[in-house]
Amino acid sequence: QVQLVESGGGSVQAGGSLRVSCATDGGTFSNYNMGWFRRAPGKEREFVAGIRWTGGSTSYADSVKGRFTIFRDNAKNTVYLQMNSLTPEDTAVYYCSRSRSPYGSRWPIPDTEYVYWGQGTQVTVSS
């Protein structure tokens, strides 16, 4: 049973920063690619950032490049998303996700390979 639990969401003014975290349980965390997605009101869920199981490679949506950073702490089985220079367009529920399979040489992986999900954490950015 894979469990993903997000935390750290909240409300912030435009230009501010937030860090969201995702603690995982089930499987060997360090063997899996991890990702962050978000769903804004009235919109479909979209990919935000991913980090490879090796920790050496990351990928970002164009809309967050240069502002968001994904990183992982394998000792804590936790993946983080540091969000800086937030704008109201970043308002969404943020979901942590884990890849279906461990390891893998392909990077970045397709969005459809992220199959385990947390419950989400709300991030609200006011202007």
Foldseek 3Di string as FASTA:
>chain_A
DKAKAKDWADEEAAQAKTKMKIAMDDDQLLFWKKFKWWDDPPGDIDGAKIAGSPQPDMDGDPVQPPFKDWGDDSVRNMIMIIGGRDDQVPWTWMKMFIFPDTDDDDPPDDPVRGDDIHPTDTHGYHD
